[in-house]
N, C-alpha and C. Protein backbone atom coordinates (compact mmCIF):
# COMPACT_ATOMS: atom_id res chain seq x y z
N MET A 1 10.31 -18.01 88.47
CA MET A 1 10.96 -18.15 87.07
C MET A 1 10.14 -18.89 86.45
N ILE A 2 8.33 -19.79 87.26
CA ILE A 2 7.88 -20.22 86.00
C ILE A 2 6.74 -19.31 86.36
N ALA A 3 6.22 -18.65 87.23
CA ALA A 3 5.78 -17.32 87.03
C ALA A 3 5.64 -16.42 86.25
N SER A 4 6.93 -15.88 86.09
CA SER A 4 7.73 -15.13 85.08
C SER A 4 7.67 -15.58 83.58
N LYS A 5 7.61 -16.51 83.50
CA LYS A 5 7.30 -17.12 82.06
C LYS A 5 5.87 -17.51 81.71
N VAL A 6 5.04 -17.55 82.54
CA VAL A 6 3.56 -17.55 82.61
C VAL A 6 3.04 -16.00 82.28
N LEU A 7 3.71 -14.87 83.15
CA LEU A 7 3.21 -13.18 82.99
C LEU A 7 4.01 -12.90 81.35
N SER A 8 4.86 -13.65 80.88
CA SER A 8 5.84 -13.19 79.50
C SER A 8 4.60 -13.84 78.34
N SER A 9 3.96 -15.03 78.35
CA SER A 9 3.12 -15.77 77.82
C SER A 9 2.21 -14.85 77.27
N LYS A 10 1.63 -14.92 78.07
CA LYS A 10 0.18 -13.69 78.36
C LYS A 10 0.54 -12.65 78.21
N THR A 11 1.78 -11.91 78.15
CA THR A 11 1.65 -10.43 77.82
C THR A 11 1.88 -10.81 76.37
N LEU A 12 2.89 -11.41 76.14
CA LEU A 12 2.78 -11.60 74.24
C LEU A 12 1.30 -12.26 73.45
N ARG A 13 0.70 -12.42 74.24
CA ARG A 13 -0.66 -13.35 73.66
C ARG A 13 -1.69 -12.03 73.47
N GLU A 14 -1.36 -10.81 74.77
CA GLU A 14 -2.18 -9.79 74.59
C GLU A 14 -1.82 -8.59 73.20
N ARG A 15 -0.15 -8.74 73.22
CA ARG A 15 0.23 -7.57 72.83
C ARG A 15 0.62 -8.00 71.45
N PRO A 16 0.24 -8.33 70.78
CA PRO A 16 0.92 -9.00 69.43
C PRO A 16 1.80 -8.15 68.89
N ASP A 17 2.20 -6.81 69.12
CA ASP A 17 2.91 -5.73 68.65
C ASP A 17 4.09 -5.92 69.86
N PHE A 18 4.16 -6.32 70.82
CA PHE A 18 5.37 -6.70 71.90
C PHE A 18 6.00 -7.80 70.96
N ALA A 19 5.23 -8.82 70.82
CA ALA A 19 5.63 -10.15 70.12
C ALA A 19 6.06 -9.75 68.49
N TYR A 20 5.85 -9.01 67.77
CA TYR A 20 6.54 -8.45 66.59
C TYR A 20 7.80 -7.81 66.96
N ILE A 21 7.67 -6.89 67.96
CA ILE A 21 8.98 -6.19 68.68
C ILE A 21 10.13 -7.24 68.86
N LEU A 22 9.93 -8.34 69.67
CA LEU A 22 10.57 -8.96 70.31
C LEU A 22 11.08 -10.07 69.27
N ASP A 23 10.32 -10.10 67.88
CA ASP A 23 10.83 -11.26 66.55
C ASP A 23 11.90 -10.01 65.94
N THR A 24 11.31 -8.95 65.69
CA THR A 24 12.32 -8.02 65.33
C THR A 24 14.36 -7.85 65.70
N ILE A 25 14.56 -7.77 67.12
CA ILE A 25 15.48 -7.13 67.51
C ILE A 25 16.35 -9.09 67.83
N SER A 26 16.85 -8.20 67.53
CA SER A 26 18.11 -9.53 67.71
C SER A 26 18.85 -9.30 69.43
N PRO A 27 19.18 -10.71 69.85
CA PRO A 27 19.61 -10.78 71.37
C PRO A 27 21.26 -9.71 71.21
N GLY A 28 21.56 -8.99 72.40
CA GLY A 28 22.91 -8.42 72.03
C GLY A 28 22.49 -6.97 71.77
N SER A 29 21.35 -6.85 71.40
CA SER A 29 20.92 -5.15 70.88
C SER A 29 21.11 -4.55 71.86
N ARG A 30 21.04 -3.07 71.60
CA ARG A 30 21.18 -1.90 72.24
C ARG A 30 19.70 -1.45 72.22
N VAL A 31 18.89 -0.81 73.27
CA VAL A 31 17.51 -0.61 72.78
C VAL A 31 17.40 0.44 74.67
N LEU A 32 16.72 1.41 73.67
CA LEU A 32 15.94 2.89 74.52
C LEU A 32 14.49 2.60 74.11
N ASP A 33 14.11 2.44 75.12
CA ASP A 33 12.21 2.41 75.05
C ASP A 33 12.00 3.99 75.84
N LEU A 34 11.78 4.82 74.84
CA LEU A 34 11.44 6.27 75.33
C LEU A 34 9.50 6.11 76.31
N GLY A 35 9.26 6.30 77.19
CA GLY A 35 7.87 6.27 77.83
C GLY A 35 7.67 4.85 77.57
N CYS A 36 8.57 4.23 78.73
CA CYS A 36 8.48 2.82 78.40
C CYS A 36 7.10 2.04 79.24
N GLY A 37 6.25 2.99 80.34
CA GLY A 37 5.75 2.94 81.27
C GLY A 37 5.95 1.78 81.99
N ASN A 38 5.11 0.56 82.76
CA ASN A 38 5.57 -0.29 83.28
C ASN A 38 6.77 -0.97 83.40
N GLY A 39 7.25 -1.37 81.93
CA GLY A 39 8.77 -1.89 81.80
C GLY A 39 8.17 -3.28 81.25
N ASP A 40 6.92 -3.40 80.95
CA ASP A 40 6.59 -5.00 80.07
C ASP A 40 7.60 -5.07 79.28
N LEU A 41 7.51 -4.11 78.21
CA LEU A 41 8.01 -4.74 77.31
C LEU A 41 9.95 -4.68 77.38
N LEU A 42 10.18 -3.89 77.98
CA LEU A 42 11.55 -4.01 78.50
C LEU A 42 11.73 -5.32 79.41
N TYR A 43 11.10 -5.67 80.09
CA TYR A 43 11.35 -6.86 80.93
C TYR A 43 11.45 -8.25 79.85
N LEU A 44 10.54 -8.12 78.86
CA LEU A 44 10.31 -9.48 77.63
C LEU A 44 11.51 -9.33 77.17
N LEU A 45 12.18 -7.75 76.62
CA LEU A 45 13.21 -7.45 76.05
C LEU A 45 14.58 -8.41 76.86
N LYS A 46 14.50 -8.24 77.90
CA LYS A 46 15.56 -8.02 78.89
C LYS A 46 15.76 -10.30 79.04
N GLN A 47 14.79 -10.35 78.55
CA GLN A 47 14.31 -12.22 79.09
C GLN A 47 14.68 -12.59 77.71
N LYS A 48 15.08 -12.07 76.40
CA LYS A 48 15.09 -12.85 75.08
C LYS A 48 17.13 -12.05 75.45
N GLY A 49 17.62 -11.30 76.36
CA GLY A 49 19.25 -11.23 76.07
C GLY A 49 19.59 -10.05 75.21
N ILE A 50 18.51 -9.02 75.46
CA ILE A 50 18.52 -7.60 74.70
C ILE A 50 19.16 -6.42 75.76
N ARG A 51 19.93 -6.22 75.51
CA ARG A 51 20.42 -4.80 76.62
C ARG A 51 19.47 -3.86 76.28
N GLY A 52 18.31 -3.56 77.35
CA GLY A 52 17.74 -2.13 77.37
C GLY A 52 17.32 -1.10 78.69
N GLN A 53 16.96 -0.25 77.90
CA GLN A 53 16.78 0.83 79.34
C GLN A 53 15.53 1.64 78.71
N GLY A 54 14.93 2.49 79.61
CA GLY A 54 13.65 3.20 79.38
C GLY A 54 13.55 4.61 79.75
N ILE A 55 13.32 5.27 79.70
CA ILE A 55 13.41 6.84 80.35
C ILE A 55 11.36 6.50 80.56
N GLU A 56 11.07 7.35 81.72
CA GLU A 56 9.66 7.65 82.04
C GLU A 56 9.31 8.37 82.94
N LYS A 57 8.47 9.30 82.58
CA LYS A 57 7.88 10.52 84.08
C LYS A 57 7.37 10.15 84.82
N ASP A 58 6.33 9.15 84.58
CA ASP A 58 5.15 8.73 85.88
C ASP A 58 6.07 7.83 86.88
N GLU A 59 5.92 8.19 88.22
CA GLU A 59 6.71 7.72 89.06
C GLU A 59 6.33 6.50 89.71
N ASP A 60 4.86 6.08 89.63
CA ASP A 60 4.30 4.80 89.66
C ASP A 60 4.65 3.87 88.65
N ALA A 61 4.94 4.02 88.02
CA ALA A 61 4.95 3.29 86.35
C ALA A 61 6.56 3.01 87.06
N ILE A 62 7.85 3.80 87.03
CA ILE A 62 9.02 3.86 87.67
C ILE A 62 8.76 2.56 88.44
N VAL A 63 8.22 2.81 89.45
CA VAL A 63 8.31 1.56 90.80
C VAL A 63 7.78 0.19 90.37
N GLU A 64 7.45 0.01 89.24
CA GLU A 64 6.48 -0.96 88.57
C GLU A 64 7.98 -1.25 87.84
N CYS A 65 8.70 -0.90 87.14
CA CYS A 65 9.87 -1.00 86.45
C CYS A 65 11.32 -1.82 87.28
N ILE A 66 10.68 -1.22 88.75
CA ILE A 66 11.92 -1.29 89.62
C ILE A 66 11.55 -2.61 89.56
N ARG A 67 10.80 -3.18 90.11
CA ARG A 67 9.97 -4.40 90.73
C ARG A 67 10.31 -5.42 89.34
N LYS A 68 9.97 -5.29 88.13
CA LYS A 68 10.35 -6.19 86.95
C LYS A 68 12.14 -6.01 87.19
N GLY A 69 12.77 -5.53 87.74
CA GLY A 69 14.32 -5.57 87.08
C GLY A 69 15.01 -4.81 85.93
N VAL A 70 13.70 -3.73 85.39
CA VAL A 70 14.58 -3.40 84.31
C VAL A 70 15.68 -2.08 84.75
N TYR A 71 16.33 -1.50 83.84
CA TYR A 71 16.75 -0.07 83.99
C TYR A 71 16.07 0.55 83.25
N VAL A 72 15.82 1.84 84.09
CA VAL A 72 14.94 3.28 83.50
C VAL A 72 15.41 4.53 84.47
N HIS A 73 14.97 5.03 83.97
CA HIS A 73 15.83 6.92 84.13
C HIS A 73 14.07 7.53 84.44
N HIS A 74 14.05 8.34 85.24
CA HIS A 74 12.94 9.35 85.87
C HIS A 74 13.30 10.65 84.48
N GLY A 75 12.15 10.61 84.01
CA GLY A 75 12.50 11.73 82.88
C GLY A 75 11.39 12.02 81.51
N ASP A 76 11.37 13.60 81.41
CA ASP A 76 10.13 13.55 80.46
C ASP A 76 11.42 14.00 78.95
N ILE A 77 10.62 12.80 78.10
CA ILE A 77 11.57 13.20 76.50
C ILE A 77 10.97 14.65 75.93
N ASP A 78 10.12 14.89 76.23
CA ASP A 78 9.60 16.32 75.71
C ASP A 78 10.68 17.28 75.96
N GLU A 79 11.51 17.11 76.89
CA GLU A 79 12.33 18.14 77.32
C GLU A 79 13.55 17.92 76.85
N GLY A 80 13.58 16.93 75.92
CA GLY A 80 15.21 16.11 74.83
C GLY A 80 15.71 14.92 75.46
N LEU A 81 16.67 15.01 74.37
CA LEU A 81 17.50 14.13 74.76
C LEU A 81 19.15 14.36 73.92
N SER A 82 19.31 15.02 74.36
CA SER A 82 20.97 15.88 74.00
C SER A 82 21.90 14.82 75.17
N HIS A 83 21.24 14.54 76.49
CA HIS A 83 22.53 14.10 76.90
C HIS A 83 23.05 12.55 76.06
N HIS A 84 22.34 11.76 74.93
CA HIS A 84 22.48 10.98 74.73
C HIS A 84 23.26 10.91 73.31
N GLU A 85 24.99 10.47 73.49
CA GLU A 85 25.52 10.56 72.48
C GLU A 85 24.86 9.83 70.88
N ASP A 86 25.31 10.04 69.45
CA ASP A 86 24.97 9.75 68.61
C ASP A 86 24.92 8.25 67.84
N LYS A 87 24.13 7.55 67.37
CA LYS A 87 23.95 6.18 67.55
C LYS A 87 24.65 5.20 68.85
N ARG A 88 23.77 5.60 69.70
CA ARG A 88 24.11 4.50 71.43
C ARG A 88 23.82 3.84 71.35
N PHE A 89 22.34 3.50 70.52
CA PHE A 89 21.70 2.38 70.60
C PHE A 89 21.38 1.42 69.60
N ASP A 90 21.10 0.15 68.92
CA ASP A 90 20.33 -0.51 67.92
C ASP A 90 19.16 0.68 67.88
N TYR A 91 18.65 0.50 68.41
CA TYR A 91 16.83 0.57 68.32
C TYR A 91 16.24 1.42 69.24
N VAL A 92 15.88 2.70 68.69
CA VAL A 92 14.77 3.81 70.15
C VAL A 92 13.07 3.13 69.58
N ILE A 93 12.52 2.84 71.06
CA ILE A 93 11.43 2.42 70.56
C ILE A 93 10.32 3.91 71.39
N LEU A 94 9.44 3.60 70.76
CA LEU A 94 7.77 4.99 71.17
C LEU A 94 6.96 3.87 70.96
N ASN A 95 6.51 3.51 71.88
CA ASN A 95 5.55 2.01 71.72
C ASN A 95 4.17 3.38 72.72
N GLN A 96 3.35 3.57 71.85
CA GLN A 96 2.28 4.11 72.38
C GLN A 96 2.52 5.50 73.08
N THR A 97 3.52 6.40 72.41
CA THR A 97 3.89 7.05 72.91
C THR A 97 3.96 8.50 72.39
N ILE A 98 4.08 8.04 70.99
CA ILE A 98 4.52 9.79 70.41
C ILE A 98 3.51 10.46 70.39
N GLN A 99 1.68 9.81 70.34
CA GLN A 99 0.61 10.92 70.05
C GLN A 99 0.52 11.74 71.64
N GLU A 100 1.60 11.33 73.06
CA GLU A 100 0.88 12.12 74.34
C GLU A 100 2.14 13.06 74.20
N THR A 101 3.30 13.40 73.29
CA THR A 101 4.28 14.43 73.22
C THR A 101 4.08 15.92 72.86
N ARG A 102 4.77 16.53 73.31
CA ARG A 102 4.11 17.92 72.74
C ARG A 102 5.06 18.25 70.98
N HIS A 103 5.93 17.53 70.85
CA HIS A 103 6.83 17.69 69.60
C HIS A 103 7.21 16.65 68.89
N PRO A 104 6.35 15.75 68.38
CA PRO A 104 6.91 14.00 67.83
C PRO A 104 7.37 14.64 67.20
N GLY A 105 7.53 15.28 66.05
CA GLY A 105 8.72 15.26 65.14
C GLY A 105 9.63 15.44 65.13
N ASP A 106 10.29 16.18 66.88
CA ASP A 106 11.43 16.55 66.98
C ASP A 106 11.88 15.34 67.87
N ILE A 107 11.14 14.72 68.36
CA ILE A 107 11.41 13.49 69.11
C ILE A 107 12.04 12.65 68.59
N ILE A 108 10.92 11.73 67.24
CA ILE A 108 11.58 11.28 66.40
C ILE A 108 12.70 11.51 65.83
N LYS A 109 13.17 12.81 65.38
CA LYS A 109 14.32 13.31 64.66
C LYS A 109 15.10 13.08 65.16
N GLU A 110 14.95 12.93 67.03
CA GLU A 110 16.42 13.34 68.24
C GLU A 110 16.62 11.11 68.72
N GLY A 111 15.40 10.23 68.57
CA GLY A 111 15.51 8.75 68.27
C GLY A 111 16.78 8.52 67.21
N LEU A 112 16.27 9.16 65.87
CA LEU A 112 17.40 8.49 64.65
C LEU A 112 18.43 9.30 65.37
N ARG A 113 18.62 10.10 65.62
CA ARG A 113 20.22 10.62 66.13
C ARG A 113 20.85 9.66 67.16
N ILE A 114 20.13 9.20 67.95
CA ILE A 114 21.07 8.12 68.80
C ILE A 114 20.67 7.08 68.51
N GLY A 115 19.74 6.23 67.80
CA GLY A 115 19.50 5.10 67.69
C GLY A 115 19.75 4.74 66.06
N LYS A 116 20.01 3.67 65.80
CA LYS A 116 20.19 3.42 64.55
C LYS A 116 18.77 3.12 63.47
N ARG A 117 18.20 2.43 64.51
CA ARG A 117 16.51 2.65 63.90
C ARG A 117 15.56 2.79 65.11
N VAL A 118 14.58 2.98 64.52
CA VAL A 118 13.13 3.91 65.59
C VAL A 118 12.31 2.86 65.09
N ILE A 119 11.43 2.73 66.26
CA ILE A 119 10.04 1.47 65.95
C ILE A 119 9.40 2.73 66.79
N ILE A 120 8.40 2.85 66.30
CA ILE A 120 7.22 3.62 66.56
C ILE A 120 5.77 2.79 66.45
N VAL A 121 5.31 2.87 67.50
CA VAL A 121 3.86 2.19 67.86
C VAL A 121 2.46 3.28 68.22
N PHE A 122 1.90 2.96 67.57
CA PHE A 122 0.60 4.22 67.73
C PHE A 122 -0.76 3.99 67.64
N PRO A 123 -1.92 4.09 68.58
CA PRO A 123 -3.21 3.93 68.05
C PRO A 123 -4.04 4.71 66.90
N ASN A 124 -4.64 3.59 65.96
CA ASN A 124 -4.63 3.89 64.50
C ASN A 124 -6.04 4.90 64.35
N PHE A 125 -5.98 5.96 64.39
CA PHE A 125 -7.22 7.07 64.53
C PHE A 125 -8.15 7.04 63.46
N GLY A 126 -7.76 6.46 62.13
CA GLY A 126 -8.35 5.86 61.10
C GLY A 126 -8.97 4.85 61.01
N TYR A 127 -9.10 4.25 62.42
CA TYR A 127 -9.62 2.46 62.58
C TYR A 127 -11.18 2.58 62.64
N TRP A 128 -11.77 2.10 61.65
CA TRP A 128 -13.07 2.17 61.67
C TRP A 128 -14.18 1.80 62.87
N GLU A 129 -13.62 1.76 63.61
CA GLU A 129 -14.86 2.09 64.94
C GLU A 129 -14.77 3.75 65.22
N VAL A 130 -13.56 4.17 65.10
CA VAL A 130 -13.59 5.49 65.23
C VAL A 130 -14.15 6.06 64.39
N ARG A 131 -13.93 5.83 63.14
CA ARG A 131 -14.41 6.77 62.45
C ARG A 131 -15.81 6.55 62.42
N PHE A 132 -16.99 5.59 62.77
CA PHE A 132 -18.15 5.46 62.76
C PHE A 132 -18.79 6.21 64.03
N ARG A 133 -17.73 6.01 65.20
CA ARG A 133 -18.30 6.86 66.30
C ARG A 133 -18.46 7.75 66.36
N ILE A 134 -17.71 8.62 65.63
CA ILE A 134 -17.17 10.15 65.43
C ILE A 134 -18.92 10.96 64.63
N LEU A 135 -18.86 10.17 62.72
CA LEU A 135 -20.10 9.95 62.35
C LEU A 135 -21.48 9.95 62.59
N PHE A 136 -21.52 8.90 63.36
CA PHE A 136 -23.04 8.68 63.52
C PHE A 136 -23.00 9.19 65.37
N GLN A 137 -22.18 9.25 66.23
CA GLN A 137 -22.50 10.26 67.86
C GLN A 137 -21.48 10.95 67.76
N GLY A 138 -21.13 11.75 66.74
CA GLY A 138 -20.81 13.52 66.65
C GLY A 138 -19.99 13.70 67.78
N LYS A 139 -19.53 12.47 68.72
CA LYS A 139 -18.43 12.77 69.26
C LYS A 139 -17.33 12.38 69.46
N THR A 140 -16.22 13.15 70.16
CA THR A 140 -14.54 12.09 70.25
C THR A 140 -14.86 10.66 70.64
N PRO A 141 -14.02 10.21 70.07
CA PRO A 141 -14.50 8.35 70.24
C PRO A 141 -13.78 8.34 71.63
N VAL A 142 -14.34 7.38 72.51
CA VAL A 142 -13.74 6.31 73.71
C VAL A 142 -13.90 4.72 72.84
N THR A 143 -12.33 4.42 73.20
CA THR A 143 -12.46 3.08 72.28
C THR A 143 -11.25 2.59 73.46
N ASP A 144 -11.04 1.20 73.48
CA ASP A 144 -10.24 0.22 74.33
C ASP A 144 -8.81 1.08 74.17
N LEU A 145 -8.08 1.64 72.77
CA LEU A 145 -7.09 1.78 72.37
C LEU A 145 -7.19 3.26 72.45
N LEU A 146 -8.25 3.95 72.96
CA LEU A 146 -8.35 5.14 73.48
C LEU A 146 -9.21 5.57 73.89
N PRO A 147 -8.72 4.94 75.50
CA PRO A 147 -10.19 4.84 76.40
C PRO A 147 -10.06 6.32 77.23
N TYR A 148 -10.10 7.51 77.00
CA TYR A 148 -9.77 8.65 77.60
C TYR A 148 -11.09 9.68 77.16
N ARG A 149 -11.48 10.02 78.03
CA ARG A 149 -12.26 11.40 77.11
C ARG A 149 -11.86 12.91 76.90
N TRP A 150 -12.40 13.38 76.18
CA TRP A 150 -11.47 14.43 75.32
C TRP A 150 -10.48 15.80 76.66
N PHE A 151 -11.44 15.51 77.66
CA PHE A 151 -11.26 16.72 79.19
C PHE A 151 -9.91 15.55 79.63
N ASN A 152 -9.47 14.43 79.74
CA ASN A 152 -8.53 14.02 80.57
C ASN A 152 -7.42 13.10 79.89
N THR A 153 -7.76 13.22 78.75
CA THR A 153 -6.62 12.33 77.71
C THR A 153 -5.69 12.51 77.59
N PRO A 154 -4.24 11.97 77.79
CA PRO A 154 -3.04 12.35 77.74
C PRO A 154 -2.65 12.36 76.70
N ASN A 155 -3.78 12.43 75.34
CA ASN A 155 -3.20 12.25 73.97
C ASN A 155 -3.11 13.69 73.42
N LEU A 156 -2.15 14.32 72.98
CA LEU A 156 -2.60 15.42 72.05
C LEU A 156 -2.39 15.01 70.55
N HIS A 157 -1.92 14.62 70.01
CA HIS A 157 -2.42 14.41 68.94
C HIS A 157 -2.81 13.11 68.44
N PHE A 158 -3.46 12.94 67.31
CA PHE A 158 -4.46 12.20 67.11
C PHE A 158 -4.15 11.72 65.37
N LEU A 159 -3.42 10.17 65.03
CA LEU A 159 -2.98 10.37 63.91
C LEU A 159 -3.28 9.23 63.34
N SER A 160 -3.54 8.74 62.02
CA SER A 160 -3.64 7.53 61.18
C SER A 160 -2.54 7.09 60.55
N VAL A 161 -2.91 5.56 60.19
CA VAL A 161 -1.50 5.12 59.57
C VAL A 161 -0.99 6.09 58.08
N LEU A 162 -2.10 6.71 57.03
CA LEU A 162 -2.29 7.33 56.04
C LEU A 162 -1.09 9.07 56.29
N ASP A 163 -1.27 9.37 58.25
CA ASP A 163 -0.66 10.45 58.41
C ASP A 163 0.50 10.72 58.64
N PHE A 164 0.43 8.89 59.22
CA PHE A 164 2.01 9.05 59.56
C PHE A 164 3.14 8.36 58.26
N GLU A 165 2.34 7.81 57.31
CA GLU A 165 3.05 7.60 56.26
C GLU A 165 3.63 9.23 55.39
N GLU A 166 2.53 10.01 55.32
CA GLU A 166 2.67 11.09 54.73
C GLU A 166 3.92 11.74 55.59
N PHE A 167 3.89 11.83 56.81
CA PHE A 167 5.20 12.25 57.78
C PHE A 167 5.89 11.48 57.55
N CYS A 168 6.28 10.83 57.40
CA CYS A 168 7.53 10.05 56.64
C CYS A 168 8.09 10.50 55.49
N GLN A 169 7.11 10.88 54.64
CA GLN A 169 7.25 11.05 53.00
C GLN A 169 8.14 12.51 52.92
N ILE A 170 7.29 13.14 54.05
CA ILE A 170 7.79 15.03 53.74
C ILE A 170 8.92 14.97 54.68
N ARG A 171 9.34 14.23 56.35
CA ARG A 171 10.37 14.26 56.77
C ARG A 171 11.32 13.37 55.95
N GLY A 172 11.53 12.78 55.08
CA GLY A 172 12.41 12.30 54.23
C GLY A 172 13.13 10.75 55.07
N PHE A 173 11.96 10.60 56.03
CA PHE A 173 12.18 8.99 57.31
C PHE A 173 11.98 8.02 55.90
N THR A 174 12.78 6.69 55.97
CA THR A 174 12.90 5.85 55.26
C THR A 174 12.32 4.39 56.13
N VAL A 175 10.67 4.00 55.47
CA VAL A 175 10.62 2.97 56.32
C VAL A 175 10.84 1.89 55.99
N GLU A 176 11.35 1.25 56.89
CA GLU A 176 12.02 -0.07 56.54
C GLU A 176 11.08 -1.08 57.15
N ASP A 177 10.32 -0.84 57.82
CA ASP A 177 8.99 -1.99 58.16
C ASP A 177 7.91 -1.35 58.52
N LYS A 178 7.10 -2.37 58.43
CA LYS A 178 5.54 -2.04 58.81
C LYS A 178 4.44 -3.34 59.02
N ALA A 179 4.17 -3.32 60.43
CA ALA A 179 2.98 -3.96 60.73
C ALA A 179 1.89 -3.23 61.21
N PHE A 180 0.72 -4.00 61.35
CA PHE A 180 -0.68 -3.33 61.77
C PHE A 180 -1.62 -4.34 63.04
N PHE A 181 -2.17 -4.31 63.77
CA PHE A 181 -2.41 -4.85 64.12
C PHE A 181 -4.28 -4.84 65.14
N THR A 182 -4.77 -5.75 65.23
CA THR A 182 -6.30 -5.28 65.96
C THR A 182 -6.31 -6.96 67.04
N ASP A 183 -6.55 -6.42 67.89
CA ASP A 183 -6.80 -7.36 69.23
C ASP A 183 -5.44 -8.68 69.23
N LEU A 184 -5.68 -9.66 68.81
CA LEU A 184 -4.93 -10.52 68.87
C LEU A 184 -3.98 -10.66 67.85
N LYS A 185 -4.60 -10.37 66.67
CA LYS A 185 -3.95 -10.59 65.24
C LYS A 185 -3.82 -9.78 64.24
N GLN A 186 -2.67 -9.95 63.28
CA GLN A 186 -2.36 -8.76 62.04
C GLN A 186 -2.64 -8.48 61.15
N VAL A 187 -2.74 -7.30 60.66
CA VAL A 187 -3.89 -7.01 59.97
C VAL A 187 -3.17 -6.81 58.69
N ARG A 188 -3.24 -7.35 57.40
CA ARG A 188 -2.49 -7.15 56.47
C ARG A 188 -3.41 -6.12 54.99
N PHE A 189 -4.23 -6.31 55.18
CA PHE A 189 -5.62 -5.74 54.19
C PHE A 189 -6.17 -4.66 54.70
N ARG A 190 -6.13 -3.47 54.10
CA ARG A 190 -6.93 -2.01 54.02
C ARG A 190 -6.40 -1.66 55.40
N ALA A 191 -5.07 -1.80 56.01
CA ALA A 191 -4.89 -1.56 57.50
C ALA A 191 -5.32 0.11 58.00
N ASN A 192 -5.83 0.91 57.37
CA ASN A 192 -5.94 2.35 57.73
C ASN A 192 -6.85 2.15 58.01
N PHE A 193 -7.85 1.37 57.66
CA PHE A 193 -9.21 1.42 58.01
C PHE A 193 -9.66 0.08 59.39
N PHE A 194 -8.97 -1.27 59.16
CA PHE A 194 -8.96 -2.82 59.90
C PHE A 194 -8.36 -2.00 60.81
N ALA A 195 -6.97 -1.65 60.94
CA ALA A 195 -5.87 -1.88 62.51
C ALA A 195 -6.27 -0.93 63.50
N LYS A 196 -5.98 -0.97 64.41
CA LYS A 196 -6.39 -0.52 65.99
C LYS A 196 -4.84 0.19 66.45
N LEU A 197 -3.93 -0.41 65.88
CA LEU A 197 -2.70 -0.43 66.17
C LEU A 197 -1.95 -0.41 65.26
N ALA A 198 -0.65 0.15 65.07
CA ALA A 198 0.21 0.57 64.22
C ALA A 198 1.57 0.41 64.53
N LEU A 199 2.49 -0.38 63.75
CA LEU A 199 3.76 -0.04 64.04
C LEU A 199 4.43 0.29 62.54
N PHE A 200 5.45 0.93 63.12
CA PHE A 200 6.57 1.45 61.97
C PHE A 200 8.20 1.58 62.41
N GLN A 201 8.95 0.81 61.72
CA GLN A 201 10.20 0.75 61.60
C GLN A 201 10.85 1.96 60.72
N ILE A 202 11.39 2.87 61.23
CA ILE A 202 11.83 4.03 60.13
C ILE A 202 13.64 4.07 60.37
N ARG A 203 14.21 4.02 59.88
CA ARG A 203 15.65 4.99 59.68
C ARG A 203 15.95 6.45 58.82
């Protein structure tokens, strides 16, 4: 139990987006984490009394989820979510997942069908370091949040804070909340330039 608390505290320090999500979602809520990875977020949600489950396609990550005692399905969200009923969940989470999907607009739309709200977190391609590396190096940037080279990256889409805000306007999605982060702190000024990570809650 002590080891679990230490793990939880360390994860929250290193992932301010996780801490923000935990503060947002109330105990007893039903959550679906799409592309849940190794289950760290679901584990933290479970500790708070939130009923969470995930969908993940990477088998090694699923093994980690099982070790943490979180409920996960093996599946590819690009293949659809039609087996889930309307408004079955209070929240659907896409944490650093949406940029890796083939049809992000369709997945977000499905998320809003099966969940009352959708929380989306993505690396901000408008971050100043990304801009400067493109400007001065003339190459696709490699950073801590975008750690892959062009030929082996799982990311199919590169978007900025402004891109996502425009997307929500085009699709008619209501942005209920948003937060921006760099390393271990929240960014409150010129987020499209200074934030490494963006979080939006939409309905």
